[in-house]
Amino acid sequence: MSKRSIIHMLNPMKHNSPFDINMALDAGYDVLIPYSHVELSEVAGLTQDAIFSRGPSGVKKTGMFIGGRDIGLAMDMLDSAKKSMVPPFEISVFADPSGAFTTAAALVACVERELKSKFQQELKGAKAVVFGGTGPVGIATAVIAALQGAETAIVDHFSIDTALEFAAEAKKRYGVDLRGTTAASDADKARLLSDADIVFCAAKAGVQVLNASVLRDATKLKVAGDVNAVSPLGIEGVKLMDFGAPLTHATNSPDAVGIGALAIGDIKYKLQQALLRETLESEKPVYLDFRNAFEGARKLV
């Protein structure tokens, strides 16, 4: 009898994401098993329970997904799962906490495409500002951009100490140099935009971060991407489906363009589907995080 495909979905929080569950089912998994309140210390045991119960042929139809909201914890859980494998009993594992890795990868890849196609400029050496830079999507965006050579600042709305803490953690984990800062007022935001080439807006849904008056202070801006799909949108003048549309309010950067949340979301959706299918269909086990997500997003755009 042919074995059915199973994905074990580990989450340190109270609930698994319905979005992730739907995505895994649509990617082709037959059975989805969600686990909540999973602690890091429990990952090894759960992993070995999953691999030893199905035999070498069964593990090829077994996958693991790691969710949650803390990207550092998700990476630790991914590492723990990988270290718990006992070849040939080895399954594929994909970490995407809060969808942050696939969303950030799609955001950076979309911005990179516009930067290259319209300005003949690489991410390397570009000055980037990430608003909402201490949230899951924001910090993942900043790390991906910095790994590509962008000079990247992460912005916390309330606390410079929080921004500095996240920057130090990124340096420790990924070897990237992020500048931590805060911007509670329009004047603070205008100061950050004054020499920015790129803006990534990953702030809380339904909050307008950059209004028209702030955008007018941007004199070098080339591309701005916003992942907020809830009105009011994060960047005034950027529509949901914009993909390289003129950023009309950036009057002192007349060539600047914007990318909207649904345009980015379309790439994110396709990307997460593709990575989930990879965990199911790959002949050899794969371990997927934000780096794999960015590689995939580049291909999709």
Protein backbone atom coordinates (compact mmCIF):
# COMPACT_ATOMS: atom_id res chain seq x y z
CA MET A 1 0.00 0.00 0.00
CA SER A 2 1.37 3.39 -1.02
CA LYS A 3 2.11 5.72 1.87
CA ARG A 4 0.34 9.05 2.05
CA SER A 5 2.36 12.26 2.32
CA ILE A 6 2.44 13.94 5.74
CA ILE A 7 3.70 17.32 6.87
CA HIS A 8 4.26 17.99 10.58
CA MET A 9 3.70 21.69 11.30
CA LEU A 10 5.53 22.88 14.43
CA ASN A 11 4.61 26.18 16.04
CA PRO A 12 5.79 27.64 19.38
CA MET A 13 2.63 29.77 19.57
CA LYS A 14 -0.96 28.91 20.50
CA HIS A 15 -2.22 28.45 16.95
CA ASN A 16 -0.81 27.32 13.64
CA SER A 17 -1.48 29.74 10.82
CA PRO A 18 -4.53 28.84 8.69
CA PHE A 19 -2.66 30.45 5.78
CA ASP A 20 0.23 27.99 6.15
CA ILE A 21 -2.12 25.04 6.55
CA ASN A 22 -3.99 25.98 3.37
CA MET A 23 -0.72 26.43 1.50
CA ALA A 24 0.62 23.04 2.56
CA LEU A 25 -2.58 21.30 1.52
CA ASP A 26 -2.61 23.07 -1.85
CA ALA A 27 1.06 22.17 -2.35
CA GLY A 28 0.04 18.52 -2.43
CA TYR A 29 0.40 17.10 1.09
CA ASP A 30 -2.29 14.55 1.93
CA VAL A 31 -2.18 14.88 5.73
CA LEU A 32 -1.33 17.95 7.83
CA ILE A 33 -0.55 17.57 11.53
CA PRO A 34 -0.34 20.88 13.48
CA TYR A 35 1.53 21.12 16.80
CA SER A 36 1.19 24.17 19.07
CA HIS A 37 3.25 25.50 22.00
CA VAL A 38 6.29 23.56 20.76
CA GLU A 39 9.45 24.32 22.71
CA LEU A 40 12.92 24.25 21.18
CA SER A 41 13.91 21.39 23.47
CA GLU A 42 11.09 19.27 22.03
CA VAL A 43 12.05 19.59 18.36
CA ALA A 44 14.65 16.80 18.35
CA GLY A 45 12.24 14.26 19.85
CA LEU A 46 9.40 15.20 17.51
CA THR A 47 11.73 14.99 14.53
CA GLN A 48 12.99 11.54 15.41
CA ASP A 49 9.45 10.30 16.07
CA ALA A 50 8.58 11.48 12.57
CA ILE A 51 11.53 9.88 10.78
CA PHE A 52 11.76 6.47 12.46
CA SER A 53 8.08 5.56 12.11
CA ARG A 54 7.83 5.39 8.30
CA GLY A 55 10.93 3.62 6.99
CA PRO A 56 13.31 4.90 4.29
CA SER A 57 10.54 5.01 1.66
CA GLY A 58 8.09 6.76 3.97
CA VAL A 59 10.44 9.59 4.92
CA LYS A 60 10.47 10.67 1.28
CA LYS A 61 6.79 11.52 1.72
CA THR A 62 7.26 13.23 5.08
CA GLY A 63 8.03 16.90 5.63
CA MET A 64 8.24 19.39 8.48
CA PHE A 65 7.21 23.05 8.56
CA ILE A 66 8.32 25.49 11.27
CA GLY A 67 6.13 28.53 11.95
CA GLY A 68 5.71 30.94 14.84
CA ARG A 69 6.66 34.59 14.90
CA ASP A 70 10.24 34.71 16.22
CA ILE A 71 12.62 34.26 13.28
CA GLY A 72 15.60 33.54 15.53
CA LEU A 73 13.71 30.77 17.30
CA ALA A 74 12.54 29.38 13.95
CA MET A 75 16.14 29.19 12.76
CA ASP A 76 17.14 27.43 15.99
CA MET A 77 14.30 24.95 15.54
CA LEU A 78 15.33 24.32 11.94
CA ASP A 79 18.91 23.69 13.07
CA SER A 80 17.73 21.34 15.84
CA ALA A 81 15.59 19.36 13.40
CA LYS A 82 18.47 19.06 10.93
CA LYS A 83 20.87 17.84 13.62
CA SER A 84 18.34 15.21 14.72
CA MET A 85 18.27 13.39 11.38
CA VAL A 86 19.79 9.90 11.15
CA PRO A 87 20.40 9.12 7.44
CA PRO A 88 18.78 7.43 5.59
CA PHE A 89 15.97 8.48 7.95
CA GLU A 90 15.93 12.13 6.93
CA ILE A 91 13.09 14.48 5.96
CA SER A 92 12.87 17.96 4.45
CA VAL A 93 12.26 20.95 6.74
CA PHE A 94 11.04 24.43 5.79
CA ALA A 95 11.04 27.39 8.20
CA ASP A 96 8.82 30.37 7.42
CA PRO A 97 7.69 32.02 10.69
CA SER A 98 4.68 34.32 10.15
CA GLY A 99 5.40 33.95 6.44
CA ALA A 100 8.23 36.40 7.12
CA PHE A 101 10.89 34.61 5.08
CA THR A 102 8.81 34.30 1.92
CA THR A 103 7.29 37.78 2.28
CA ALA A 104 10.69 39.40 2.85
CA ALA A 105 12.25 37.44 0.01
CA ALA A 106 9.48 38.52 -2.37
CA LEU A 107 9.76 42.15 -1.23
CA VAL A 108 13.53 42.35 -1.71
CA ALA A 109 13.45 40.50 -5.03
CA CYS A 110 10.76 42.82 -6.41
CA VAL A 111 12.65 45.92 -5.32
CA GLU A 112 15.90 44.49 -6.73
CA ARG A 113 14.25 43.91 -10.11
CA GLU A 114 13.04 47.50 -10.36
CA LEU A 115 16.37 48.86 -9.15
CA LYS A 116 18.19 46.93 -11.86
CA SER A 117 15.75 47.41 -14.72
CA LYS A 118 15.01 51.11 -14.23
CA PHE A 119 18.21 52.41 -12.64
CA GLN A 120 20.87 49.86 -13.66
CA GLN A 121 21.88 49.59 -10.02
CA GLU A 122 22.55 46.55 -7.82
CA LEU A 123 21.57 46.15 -4.21
CA LYS A 124 25.27 46.17 -3.35
CA GLY A 125 26.18 49.64 -2.17
CA ALA A 126 22.59 50.91 -2.20
CA LYS A 127 21.33 52.71 0.91
CA ALA A 128 18.21 50.98 2.25
CA VAL A 129 15.83 51.86 5.08
CA VAL A 130 13.45 49.29 6.55
CA PHE A 131 10.47 50.77 8.37
CA GLY A 132 8.98 48.23 10.76
CA GLY A 133 12.48 46.84 10.81
CA THR A 134 12.16 45.02 14.14
CA GLY A 135 9.13 42.94 13.15
CA PRO A 136 9.54 39.46 11.61
CA VAL A 137 9.17 40.63 8.00
CA GLY A 138 11.25 43.74 8.63
CA ILE A 139 14.24 42.01 10.18
CA ALA A 140 14.17 39.25 7.54
CA THR A 141 14.04 41.93 4.81
CA ALA A 142 16.95 43.79 6.36
CA VAL A 143 19.10 40.67 6.66
CA ILE A 144 18.43 39.62 3.05
CA ALA A 145 19.21 43.12 1.75
CA ALA A 146 22.37 43.39 3.86
CA LEU A 147 23.59 39.99 2.67
CA GLN A 148 23.32 41.36 -0.86
CA GLY A 149 25.54 44.29 0.09
CA ALA A 150 22.99 47.02 0.78
CA GLU A 151 23.82 49.53 3.53
CA THR A 152 20.74 48.83 5.60
CA ALA A 153 19.07 50.63 8.50
CA ILE A 154 16.27 49.09 10.57
CA VAL A 155 13.74 51.48 12.06
CA ASP A 156 11.71 50.90 15.21
CA HIS A 157 8.88 53.36 15.74
CA PHE A 158 9.26 53.54 19.52
CA SER A 159 12.67 52.46 20.75
CA ILE A 160 16.22 52.83 19.52
CA ASP A 161 17.27 50.26 22.12
CA THR A 162 15.03 47.68 20.46
CA ALA A 163 16.48 48.50 17.05
CA LEU A 164 20.03 48.22 18.36
CA GLU A 165 19.21 44.91 20.04
CA PHE A 166 17.87 43.44 16.79
CA ALA A 167 20.87 44.78 14.86
CA ALA A 168 23.25 43.11 17.32
CA GLU A 169 21.35 39.82 17.04
CA ALA A 170 21.54 39.96 13.24
CA LYS A 171 25.28 40.55 13.42
CA LYS A 172 25.71 37.58 15.75
CA ARG A 173 23.54 35.18 13.74
CA TYR A 174 24.14 36.19 10.14
CA GLY A 175 27.28 38.32 10.13
CA VAL A 176 25.54 41.40 8.72
CA ASP A 177 25.95 45.01 9.82
CA LEU A 178 22.60 46.73 10.31
CA ARG A 179 22.17 50.26 11.62
CA GLY A 180 19.49 50.46 14.30
CA THR A 181 17.53 53.66 14.63
CA THR A 182 14.11 55.07 15.55
CA ALA A 183 11.66 57.39 13.78
CA ALA A 184 8.67 58.50 15.80
CA SER A 185 8.00 61.73 13.91
CA ASP A 186 7.71 62.83 10.30
CA ALA A 187 10.91 64.82 10.78
CA ASP A 188 12.75 61.64 11.82
CA LYS A 189 11.40 59.79 8.79
CA ALA A 190 12.32 62.64 6.44
CA ARG A 191 15.88 62.59 7.79
CA LEU A 192 16.17 58.88 7.03
CA LEU A 193 14.72 59.30 3.54
CA SER A 194 17.01 62.17 2.62
CA ASP A 195 19.76 59.93 1.24
CA ALA A 196 17.98 56.60 0.83
CA ASP A 197 18.01 54.74 -2.48
CA ILE A 198 15.49 52.13 -1.31
CA VAL A 199 12.65 52.05 1.18
CA PHE A 200 11.13 48.83 2.48
CA CYS A 201 7.89 49.35 4.40
CA ALA A 202 7.13 46.35 6.65
CA ALA A 203 5.31 48.12 9.46
CA LYS A 204 2.07 47.10 11.17
CA ALA A 205 -0.92 46.62 8.88
CA GLY A 206 -3.25 49.58 8.58
CA VAL A 207 -0.64 52.18 9.53
CA GLN A 208 0.52 54.83 7.07
CA VAL A 209 4.25 55.21 7.64
CA LEU A 210 5.26 57.59 4.86
CA ASN A 211 2.91 60.40 3.86
CA ALA A 212 3.27 62.80 0.95
CA SER A 213 5.11 65.47 2.96
CA VAL A 214 7.75 62.98 4.12
CA LEU A 215 8.19 61.58 0.61
CA ARG A 216 8.93 65.07 -0.70
CA ASP A 217 12.11 65.10 1.40
CA ALA A 218 13.50 62.09 -0.47
CA THR A 219 16.01 63.36 -3.02
CA LYS A 220 17.73 60.11 -4.06
CA LEU A 221 14.90 57.62 -3.74
CA LYS A 222 14.61 55.05 -6.51
CA VAL A 223 12.34 52.21 -5.32
CA ALA A 224 9.87 51.86 -2.44
CA GLY A 225 8.10 48.60 -1.57
CA ASP A 226 5.16 48.26 0.84
CA VAL A 227 3.81 44.94 2.19
CA ASN A 228 0.82 46.50 4.01
CA ALA A 229 -2.41 45.49 2.26
CA VAL A 230 -4.78 47.01 4.85
CA SER A 231 -6.00 50.59 4.43
CA PRO A 232 -4.46 53.02 5.04
CA LEU A 233 -1.51 51.61 3.12
CA GLY A 234 2.01 52.11 4.40
CA ILE A 235 3.23 54.48 1.71
CA GLU A 236 0.92 57.22 0.44
CA GLY A 237 0.35 56.97 -3.29
CA VAL A 238 1.47 53.35 -3.68
CA LYS A 239 -1.48 51.24 -4.84
CA LEU A 240 -1.91 47.56 -3.98
CA MET A 241 -1.13 46.24 -7.48
CA ASP A 242 1.60 48.74 -8.39
CA PHE A 243 4.77 47.11 -9.71
CA GLY A 244 7.12 49.86 -10.79
CA ALA A 245 4.47 52.60 -10.99
CA PRO A 246 5.67 56.21 -10.55
CA LEU A 247 5.89 57.29 -6.92
CA THR A 248 4.05 60.53 -7.56
CA HIS A 249 4.46 62.06 -4.10
CA ALA A 250 8.26 61.75 -4.19
CA THR A 251 8.46 64.98 -6.18
CA ASN A 252 12.16 65.52 -5.50
CA SER A 253 12.94 62.00 -6.74
CA PRO A 254 10.95 62.24 -9.98
CA ASP A 255 12.00 58.84 -11.32
CA ALA A 256 11.16 56.90 -8.12
CA VAL A 257 8.78 53.96 -8.41
CA GLY A 258 6.63 52.00 -5.97
CA ILE A 259 5.64 48.38 -5.48
CA GLY A 260 2.37 47.52 -3.75
CA ALA A 261 1.43 44.80 -1.30
CA LEU A 262 -0.62 42.62 -3.65
CA ALA A 263 2.08 42.65 -6.32
CA ILE A 264 4.56 41.48 -3.67
CA GLY A 265 1.98 39.10 -2.23
CA ASP A 266 1.51 37.38 -5.59
CA ILE A 267 5.22 36.51 -5.64
CA LYS A 268 5.13 35.48 -1.95
CA TYR A 269 2.19 33.13 -2.58
CA LYS A 270 3.86 31.45 -5.55
CA LEU A 271 7.14 31.24 -3.63
CA GLN A 272 5.71 29.56 -0.55
CA GLN A 273 3.87 27.07 -2.77
CA ALA A 274 7.06 26.28 -4.65
CA LEU A 275 9.11 25.75 -1.49
CA LEU A 276 6.45 23.53 0.09
CA ARG A 277 6.33 21.46 -3.10
CA GLU A 278 10.12 21.20 -2.97
CA THR A 279 9.94 19.64 0.50
CA LEU A 280 7.46 17.10 -0.88
CA GLU A 281 9.04 16.34 -4.24
CA SER A 282 12.81 16.63 -3.69
CA GLU A 283 14.69 13.35 -4.03
CA LYS A 284 17.11 14.45 -1.33
CA PRO A 285 16.15 16.18 1.94
CA VAL A 286 16.26 19.98 1.84
CA TYR A 287 16.45 22.52 4.67
CA LEU A 288 14.89 25.80 3.61
CA ASP A 289 15.08 29.25 5.20
CA PHE A 290 15.13 32.89 4.05
CA ARG A 291 18.20 32.36 1.87
CA ASN A 292 16.48 29.67 -0.18
CA ALA A 293 13.37 31.82 -0.28
CA PHE A 294 15.31 34.74 -1.78
CA GLU A 295 16.87 32.51 -4.43
CA GLY A 296 13.40 31.29 -5.35
CA ALA A 297 11.91 34.79 -5.37
CA ARG A 298 14.58 36.04 -7.75
CA LYS A 299 13.60 33.32 -10.21
CA LEU A 300 9.92 34.17 -9.94
CA VAL A 301 10.36 37.90 -10.64
